Protein backbone atom coordinates (compact mmCIF):
# COMPACT_ATOMS: atom_id res chain seq x y z
CA MET A 1 -12.07 15.56 -40.60
CA GLU A 2 -9.69 12.69 -41.27
CA LYS A 3 -10.99 9.37 -42.60
CA GLU A 4 -9.70 7.61 -39.47
CA HIS A 5 -11.80 9.87 -37.22
CA ILE A 6 -14.84 9.31 -39.39
CA GLY A 7 -14.32 5.55 -39.05
CA ILE A 8 -14.13 5.86 -35.26
CA ILE A 9 -17.40 7.81 -35.22
CA GLY A 10 -18.95 5.04 -37.33
CA LEU A 11 -17.71 2.34 -34.94
CA ILE A 12 -19.07 4.19 -31.90
CA ALA A 13 -22.42 4.81 -33.62
CA GLY A 14 -22.63 1.15 -34.63
CA ALA A 15 -21.80 0.02 -31.11
CA CYS A 16 -24.54 2.22 -29.64
CA THR A 17 -27.23 1.04 -32.03
CA THR A 18 -26.18 -2.59 -31.63
CA VAL A 19 -26.00 -2.51 -27.83
CA ALA A 20 -29.49 -0.98 -27.77
CA PHE A 21 -30.94 -4.44 -28.53
CA ILE A 22 -29.29 -6.13 -25.55
CA PRO A 23 -31.68 -4.92 -22.80
CA GLN A 24 -34.66 -6.22 -24.78
CA LEU A 25 -32.99 -9.54 -25.43
CA THR A 26 -31.98 -9.83 -21.77
CA LYS A 27 -35.56 -9.16 -20.66
CA ILE A 28 -36.94 -11.80 -23.03
CA ILE A 29 -34.45 -14.38 -21.79
CA ARG A 30 -35.03 -13.51 -18.14
CA THR A 31 -38.85 -13.48 -18.27
CA ARG A 32 -39.20 -16.20 -20.93
CA HIS A 33 -41.92 -14.31 -22.73
CA ALA A 34 -42.06 -11.87 -25.60
CA ARG A 35 -45.73 -10.96 -25.71
CA ASP A 36 -44.99 -7.25 -25.88
CA ILE A 37 -42.58 -7.58 -28.79
CA SER A 38 -43.90 -6.87 -32.26
CA LEU A 39 -42.87 -9.71 -34.55
CA TYR A 40 -43.55 -7.62 -37.65
CA MET A 41 -41.41 -4.75 -36.40
CA PHE A 42 -38.49 -7.08 -35.75
CA LEU A 43 -38.94 -8.80 -39.12
CA ILE A 44 -38.82 -5.44 -40.88
CA MET A 45 -35.89 -4.27 -38.72
CA THR A 46 -33.99 -7.49 -39.40
CA THR A 47 -34.56 -7.13 -43.13
CA GLY A 48 -33.23 -3.57 -42.99
CA ILE A 49 -30.20 -4.65 -40.97
CA LEU A 50 -29.49 -7.45 -43.44
CA LEU A 51 -29.61 -4.96 -46.30
CA TRP A 52 -27.29 -2.57 -44.42
CA LEU A 53 -24.90 -5.48 -43.89
CA VAL A 54 -24.92 -6.30 -47.61
CA TYR A 55 -24.39 -2.61 -48.38
CA GLY A 56 -21.47 -2.43 -45.96
CA ILE A 57 -19.90 -5.50 -47.53
CA LEU A 58 -20.34 -4.09 -51.04
CA ILE A 59 -18.70 -0.77 -50.15
CA ARG A 60 -16.19 -2.46 -47.81
CA GLU A 61 -16.88 -0.28 -44.77
CA LEU A 62 -15.88 -2.11 -41.59
CA PRO A 63 -18.02 -0.02 -39.17
CA ILE A 64 -21.16 -0.78 -41.18
CA ILE A 65 -20.26 -4.45 -41.52
CA LEU A 66 -19.46 -5.00 -37.84
CA ALA A 67 -22.43 -3.11 -36.43
CA ASN A 68 -24.92 -4.77 -38.72
CA ALA A 69 -23.50 -8.26 -38.37
CA PHE A 70 -23.89 -8.10 -34.59
CA SER A 71 -27.27 -6.36 -34.82
CA LEU A 72 -28.48 -9.02 -37.25
CA ALA A 73 -27.52 -11.76 -34.81
CA LEU A 74 -29.27 -10.02 -31.91
CA CYS A 75 -32.44 -9.32 -33.89
CA ALA A 76 -32.54 -12.87 -35.23
CA TYR A 77 -32.26 -14.19 -31.68
CA ILE A 78 -35.09 -11.89 -30.55
CA ILE A 79 -37.29 -13.18 -33.40
CA LEU A 80 -36.49 -16.79 -32.53
CA ALA A 81 -37.22 -16.13 -28.85
CA LYS A 82 -40.49 -14.42 -29.78
CA LEU A 83 -41.55 -17.45 -31.83
CA ARG A 84 -40.41 -19.90 -29.17
CA TYR A 85 -41.93 -18.24 -26.11
CA ASP A 86 -45.16 -17.15 -27.77
CA ARG A 87 -45.80 -20.60 -29.21
CA GLY A 88 -47.34 -21.78 -25.94
CA LYS A 89 -49.97 -19.03 -25.84
C-alpha cells in the first residue's frame, strides 16, 4: 500500500475517533450537567491524547497530530464543562 493511502486511512481514523466526542460534548452543553461523566476517565483519556499529540509531533505524522490536537481540545472542554456544571451540586 502506498504511503499516501496509509496517510488517508490515518486521517479517516483520526476523524472518526475525534468526532466520537462531539455527541457527548453536545449533550453536556444542551443539558448543562455532566453528572454521568467520569472525571477520572476523561483526565486519563486527555493525558493519553496529549501524549499521542507529542508523539505525532516528534515523528512528524500529520494524521496523528491533527486528530489528537482536535481530540485534546474536545476532551479539555468536556473536563471544564464537568467541573463547571458539577460545581453547583
